[in-house]
Protein backbone atom coordinates (compact mmCIF):
# COMPACT_ATOMS: atom_id res chain seq x y z
CA MET A 1 9.57 -27.98 11.33
CA GLN A 2 7.49 -24.80 11.35
CA GLU A 3 6.75 -22.20 8.69
CA GLY A 4 6.31 -18.55 9.55
CA VAL A 5 7.08 -14.92 8.81
CA ILE A 6 10.02 -12.89 10.12
CA ILE A 7 8.46 -9.97 11.97
CA LYS A 8 11.55 -8.44 13.57
CA GLY A 9 15.33 -8.71 13.52
CA ILE A 10 17.68 -7.38 16.19
CA GLY A 11 21.34 -8.16 16.81
CA GLY A 12 21.48 -11.29 14.68
CA PHE A 13 18.24 -12.70 16.10
CA TYR A 14 15.13 -13.07 13.94
CA TYR A 15 11.67 -13.29 15.45
CA VAL A 16 9.48 -15.62 13.41
CA ASP A 17 5.70 -15.60 13.80
CA THR A 18 4.30 -19.13 13.44
CA ALA A 19 1.00 -20.86 14.13
CA VAL A 20 2.23 -21.87 17.60
CA GLY A 21 3.97 -18.67 18.67
CA VAL A 22 6.88 -16.35 17.95
CA TYR A 23 10.26 -18.11 17.78
CA GLU A 24 13.57 -16.40 18.46
CA CYS A 25 15.86 -17.71 15.73
CA ARG A 26 19.31 -17.44 14.29
CA ALA A 27 20.01 -18.04 10.61
CA ARG A 28 21.99 -21.14 9.66
CA GLY A 29 25.57 -20.53 8.57
CA LYS A 30 24.79 -21.51 4.98
CA PHE A 31 23.01 -18.19 4.46
CA ARG A 32 26.11 -16.24 5.47
CA ILE A 33 28.27 -18.39 3.19
CA LYS A 34 25.92 -17.65 0.27
CA ASN A 35 25.74 -13.96 1.26
CA ILE A 36 21.98 -14.21 1.84
CA THR A 37 20.46 -12.05 4.55
CA PRO A 38 16.99 -12.86 5.91
CA LEU A 39 14.65 -9.87 5.66
CA ILE A 40 11.67 -8.72 7.65
CA GLY A 41 8.64 -10.13 5.85
CA ASP A 42 10.42 -13.26 4.60
CA ARG A 43 8.42 -16.45 4.77
CA VAL A 44 10.77 -19.02 6.26
CA LYS A 45 11.00 -22.59 7.48
CA ILE A 46 12.50 -23.11 10.90
CA GLU A 47 13.57 -25.91 13.21
CA GLY A 48 13.33 -25.30 16.92
CA ASP A 49 12.21 -26.21 20.39
CA ALA A 50 8.49 -25.65 20.97
CA GLY A 51 9.06 -25.32 24.70
CA SER A 52 11.60 -22.51 24.64
CA LEU A 53 10.42 -21.10 21.28
CA GLN A 54 14.01 -20.90 20.08
CA GLY A 55 15.35 -22.24 16.82
CA TYR A 56 17.13 -21.80 13.50
CA ILE A 57 16.02 -20.56 10.10
CA ILE A 58 16.75 -23.35 7.63
CA GLU A 59 15.03 -22.08 4.46
CA ILE A 60 13.87 -18.75 3.03
CA LEU A 61 10.93 -19.17 0.68
CA GLU A 62 10.78 -17.31 -2.64
CA ARG A 63 10.13 -13.58 -2.29
CA LYS A 64 7.46 -11.89 -4.36
CA ASN A 65 9.18 -8.52 -3.94
CA GLN A 66 11.95 -6.88 -1.97
CA LEU A 67 12.34 -3.23 -1.01
CA VAL A 68 15.76 -1.66 -0.62
CA ARG A 69 14.82 1.10 1.82
CA PRO A 70 13.38 -0.19 4.07
CA THR A 71 14.76 -3.70 3.69
CA VAL A 72 11.52 -5.64 3.83
CA ALA A 73 10.07 -8.38 1.63
CA ASN A 74 6.70 -9.67 0.46
CA ILE A 75 4.80 -6.40 0.82
CA ASP A 76 1.28 -6.17 -0.64
CA LEU A 77 0.43 -2.52 -0.13
CA ALA A 78 2.18 0.83 0.28
CA ILE A 79 0.36 3.49 2.28
CA ILE A 80 2.03 6.73 1.19
CA VAL A 81 1.37 9.32 3.89
CA PHE A 82 1.68 13.07 3.51
CA ALA A 83 0.31 15.83 5.70
CA ALA A 84 -2.08 18.48 4.42
CA ARG A 85 -0.05 20.93 6.51
CA LYS A 86 2.87 20.92 8.96
CA PRO A 87 4.81 19.80 6.98
CA ASN A 88 3.18 20.87 3.71
CA ILE A 89 2.89 18.39 0.84
CA ASN A 90 6.07 18.00 -1.19
CA ASN A 91 4.67 16.93 -4.56
CA ALA A 92 8.06 15.98 -6.04
CA LEU A 93 8.72 13.61 -3.15
CA MET A 94 5.21 12.17 -3.40
CA GLN A 95 5.80 11.36 -7.07
CA ARG A 96 9.03 9.55 -6.17
CA PHE A 97 7.17 7.36 -3.69
CA LEU A 98 4.52 6.56 -6.30
CA VAL A 99 7.11 5.74 -8.96
CA TYR A 100 9.01 3.51 -6.55
CA SER A 101 5.79 1.70 -5.60
CA GLU A 102 4.97 1.05 -9.25
CA TYR A 103 8.50 -0.18 -9.94
CA LYS A 104 8.29 -2.63 -7.04
CA LYS A 105 4.81 -3.80 -8.13
CA LEU A 106 3.15 -2.53 -4.95
CA ASN A 107 -0.43 -1.36 -4.80
CA ALA A 108 -0.22 2.25 -3.62
CA VAL A 109 -2.78 4.16 -1.58
CA VAL A 110 -2.15 7.82 -0.78
CA CYS A 111 -3.15 9.01 2.68
CA ILE A 112 -3.44 12.76 3.23
CA ASN A 113 -3.27 13.21 7.00
CA LYS A 114 -3.82 16.26 9.23
CA ILE A 115 -6.66 17.54 7.05
CA ASP A 116 -8.00 19.32 10.14
CA LEU A 117 -5.05 21.73 9.83
CA ASP A 118 -5.94 22.80 6.28
CA LYS A 119 -9.21 24.67 6.74
CA GLU A 120 -8.97 26.16 3.23
CA GLY A 121 -8.64 22.74 1.59
CA HIS A 122 -5.49 23.51 -0.41
CA TYR A 123 -4.61 19.79 -0.34
CA LEU A 124 -7.64 19.06 -2.54
CA ASP A 125 -5.67 20.12 -5.64
CA ILE A 126 -3.30 17.22 -4.96
CA VAL A 127 -6.23 14.86 -4.39
CA ARG A 128 -7.79 15.80 -7.73
CA MET A 129 -4.47 15.29 -9.51
CA LEU A 130 -3.98 11.83 -7.96
CA GLU A 131 -7.52 10.73 -8.75
CA THR A 132 -6.89 11.28 -12.47
CA VAL A 133 -4.27 8.49 -12.45
CA PRO A 134 -6.26 6.99 -10.64
CA TYR A 135 -4.81 6.34 -7.19
CA LYS A 136 -7.00 5.69 -4.19
CA VAL A 137 -6.75 8.65 -1.81
CA ILE A 138 -7.79 8.50 1.85
CA ARG A 139 -8.14 11.74 3.79
CA THR A 140 -7.48 11.37 7.49
CA SER A 141 -7.13 13.26 10.72
CA ALA A 142 -5.52 11.37 13.55
CA LYS A 143 -6.79 14.13 15.82
CA THR A 144 -10.49 13.73 14.94
CA ASN A 145 -10.40 10.09 13.69
CA VAL A 146 -11.73 11.11 10.27
CA GLY A 147 -10.88 8.44 7.68
CA ILE A 148 -9.47 5.93 10.16
CA GLU A 149 -12.11 3.28 9.43
CA GLN A 150 -11.51 3.66 5.70
CA LEU A 151 -7.79 3.21 6.28
CA LYS A 152 -8.44 0.07 8.32
CA GLU A 153 -10.39 -1.44 5.45
CA VAL A 154 -7.55 -1.11 2.95
CA LEU A 155 -5.11 -2.59 5.50
CA ARG A 156 -7.28 -5.59 6.34
CA ASP A 157 -5.54 -8.93 5.59
CA LYS A 158 -2.65 -7.23 3.76
CA VAL A 159 1.04 -6.92 4.56
CA SER A 160 1.51 -3.18 4.32
CA VAL A 161 4.25 -0.60 4.59
CA PHE A 162 3.76 3.02 5.63
CA ALA A 163 5.93 5.48 3.72
CA GLY A 164 6.34 9.21 3.74
CA PRO A 165 8.35 12.10 5.17
CA SER A 166 8.99 12.54 8.86
CA GLY A 167 6.38 14.44 10.81
CA VAL A 168 3.33 13.54 8.71
CA GLY A 169 1.85 11.35 11.46
CA LYS A 170 2.60 7.79 10.38
CA SER A 171 3.09 6.44 13.90
CA THR A 172 0.11 8.42 15.21
CA LEU A 173 -2.07 6.91 12.49
CA LEU A 174 -0.89 3.42 13.44
CA ASN A 175 -1.88 4.12 17.04
CA CYS A 176 -5.32 5.22 15.83
CA ILE A 177 -5.70 2.07 13.74
CA GLN A 178 -4.90 -0.14 16.70
CA PRO A 179 -4.76 1.59 20.10
CA GLY A 180 -2.08 0.26 22.39
CA LEU A 181 0.49 -0.55 19.73
CA GLY A 182 2.90 1.53 21.79
CA LEU A 183 4.57 3.15 18.79
CA LYS A 184 6.34 6.28 19.88
CA THR A 185 5.50 9.57 18.23
CA GLY A 186 7.86 12.49 17.91
CA ALA A 187 7.38 16.23 17.95
CA LEU A 188 8.13 18.39 14.94
CA SER A 189 11.49 20.10 14.91
CA LYS A 190 10.97 23.82 15.47
CA LYS A 191 13.87 24.56 13.14
CA THR A 192 12.86 22.41 10.15
CA GLY A 193 9.15 21.81 10.67
CA ARG A 194 9.83 18.12 10.09
CA GLY A 195 9.44 15.20 12.38
CA THR A 196 12.09 13.60 14.51
CA HIS A 197 12.74 9.89 13.97
CA THR A 198 10.98 7.85 16.62
CA THR A 199 11.40 4.24 15.46
CA ARG A 200 14.73 2.43 15.64
CA TYR A 201 14.21 -0.79 13.68
CA VAL A 202 11.87 -2.33 11.14
CA GLU A 203 9.11 -4.47 12.61
CA LEU A 204 5.99 -6.15 11.25
CA ILE A 205 3.08 -5.54 13.58
CA LYS A 206 0.08 -7.88 13.58
CA LEU A 207 -3.24 -6.09 13.27
CA GLU A 208 -6.36 -7.17 15.12
CA ILE A 209 -8.37 -6.65 11.92
CA GLY A 210 -6.07 -9.09 10.10
CA GLY A 211 -2.83 -8.50 8.25
CA MET A 212 0.41 -6.88 9.31
CA VAL A 213 1.96 -3.46 8.93
CA ALA A 214 5.61 -2.48 8.85
CA ASP A 215 6.83 0.42 10.94
CA THR A 216 9.82 1.51 8.93
CA PRO A 217 12.41 4.02 10.16
CA GLY A 218 14.37 5.82 7.49
CA PHE A 219 11.80 5.31 4.71
CA THR A 220 11.69 9.07 4.14
CA SER A 221 13.47 9.59 0.82
CA LEU A 222 14.15 7.52 -2.27
CA ASP A 223 16.96 7.00 -4.72
CA ILE A 224 15.71 5.84 -8.10
CA ASP A 225 19.09 4.99 -9.61
CA GLU A 226 18.14 1.32 -9.92
CA LEU A 227 15.56 2.32 -12.56
CA GLU A 228 16.49 2.27 -16.25
CA VAL A 229 15.39 5.21 -18.39
CA SER A 230 13.29 2.85 -20.50
CA GLU A 231 11.47 1.56 -17.39
CA LEU A 232 10.31 4.92 -16.09
CA GLU A 233 7.22 5.31 -18.28
CA SER A 234 5.79 2.03 -16.95
CA CYS A 235 5.81 3.64 -13.49
CA PHE A 236 3.22 6.16 -14.70
CA PRO A 237 0.19 3.89 -15.24
CA GLU A 238 -1.92 6.61 -16.89
CA PHE A 239 0.53 6.63 -19.83
CA SER A 240 -0.48 3.11 -20.90
CA ASN A 241 -3.48 4.18 -23.03
CA TYR A 242 -1.51 6.75 -25.02
CA ARG A 243 1.67 4.97 -26.09
CA ASN A 244 0.79 5.27 -29.77
CA CYS A 245 4.00 7.14 -30.51
CA TYR A 246 5.51 7.31 -34.01
CA PHE A 247 8.91 6.13 -32.77
CA PRO A 248 8.89 2.73 -31.01
CA ASP A 249 11.68 3.83 -28.64
CA CYS A 250 10.06 7.17 -27.81
CA ILE A 251 10.72 8.34 -24.25
CA HIS A 252 8.14 11.15 -24.51
CA ASP A 253 10.48 14.10 -24.16
CA LYS A 254 11.58 15.92 -27.32
CA GLU A 255 10.47 13.36 -29.90
CA PRO A 256 7.87 14.45 -32.49
CA ARG A 257 4.49 12.72 -32.90
CA CYS A 258 4.50 11.47 -29.31
CA GLY A 259 1.22 10.04 -28.06
CA ILE A 260 1.97 10.92 -24.45
CA LYS A 261 2.72 14.58 -25.19
CA GLU A 262 -0.42 14.83 -27.33
CA ALA A 263 -2.47 13.42 -24.43
CA VAL A 264 -0.97 16.04 -22.11
CA GLU A 265 -1.87 18.85 -24.52
CA LYS A 266 -5.44 17.55 -24.76
CA GLY A 267 -5.75 17.36 -20.97
CA LYS A 268 -6.01 13.57 -20.90
CA ILE A 269 -2.82 13.25 -18.83
CA ASN A 270 -2.26 15.62 -15.93
CA ARG A 271 0.50 18.11 -16.75
CA ILE A 272 1.89 18.04 -13.20
CA ARG A 273 2.35 14.29 -13.51
CA TYR A 274 4.00 14.66 -16.91
CA ASP A 275 6.34 17.36 -15.57
CA SER A 276 7.25 14.97 -12.74
CA TYR A 277 8.02 12.30 -15.32
CA ILE A 278 10.35 14.66 -17.22
CA SER A 279 12.09 15.71 -14.01
CA LEU A 280 12.74 12.09 -13.04
CA LEU A 281 13.75 11.24 -16.60
CA ASN A 282 16.42 13.94 -16.54
CA GLU A 283 17.61 12.70 -13.17
CA LEU A 284 18.02 9.17 -14.52
CA ARG A 285 19.88 10.49 -17.55
CA ASN A 286 22.31 12.34 -15.31
CA ILE A 287 22.83 9.22 -13.22
CA GLY A 288 23.64 7.30 -16.40
CA ARG A 289 26.30 9.83 -17.42
CA LYS A 290 28.18 9.28 -14.15
CA TYR A 291 29.00 5.69 -15.02
């Protein structure tokens, strides 16, 4: 019996990285009967033939987390990538990625790529806003290799996922981190200014520096409907020091004597972040009314 990590799944086959090699496995029928689907990132126990490196998954070990889109498990770190320009930073979408990362208990690092295209430094306003939370922000240029070593350091010995809109350079950054990965990169659409999808399935890629990274097609937008209204404030970590509200069930919107709103007025909480909170709060309320 071997223990390993599922690094890829295609057509009912799961590729499990173990100490003696990568096994091509199928899942035992009991998982189908119990409606359990193995996920990329799952730690599993397998039985198989060491000669042919083929076998069966017989047990899925307990997951520490599980993402819905992409469907991966046991992730340590989310690298949230946006481009300084082409396409420009969509702050509302960035906040959704950050909220989702907090909800899933992922450490989040924001990577602002293509800084060589923003000579005026307009992206720095976003950096300053993020650093008030505080989130770690890495500024990179895949073209000039600026920030690549810093990015490698945060990836070292972690299981990481890259997230962000199409066209921001996620696959190009991965190629810079480890040349020869062979990840395809796509050109920007002339019509939309966004990237074309270049990756067809989720795969965990082993890094020479240690750790693994998931290349994740489709991880470009997020639904937050699994969040409860009462859970949203915990996804804004900078709120934690100011929850001295008069009403115990305060959701920091129209209630009087709200500690969060007072902190915003005093400049202790960034107003852009608070406005993002209110926008997402209203979205969750509207979702609730549909059911």
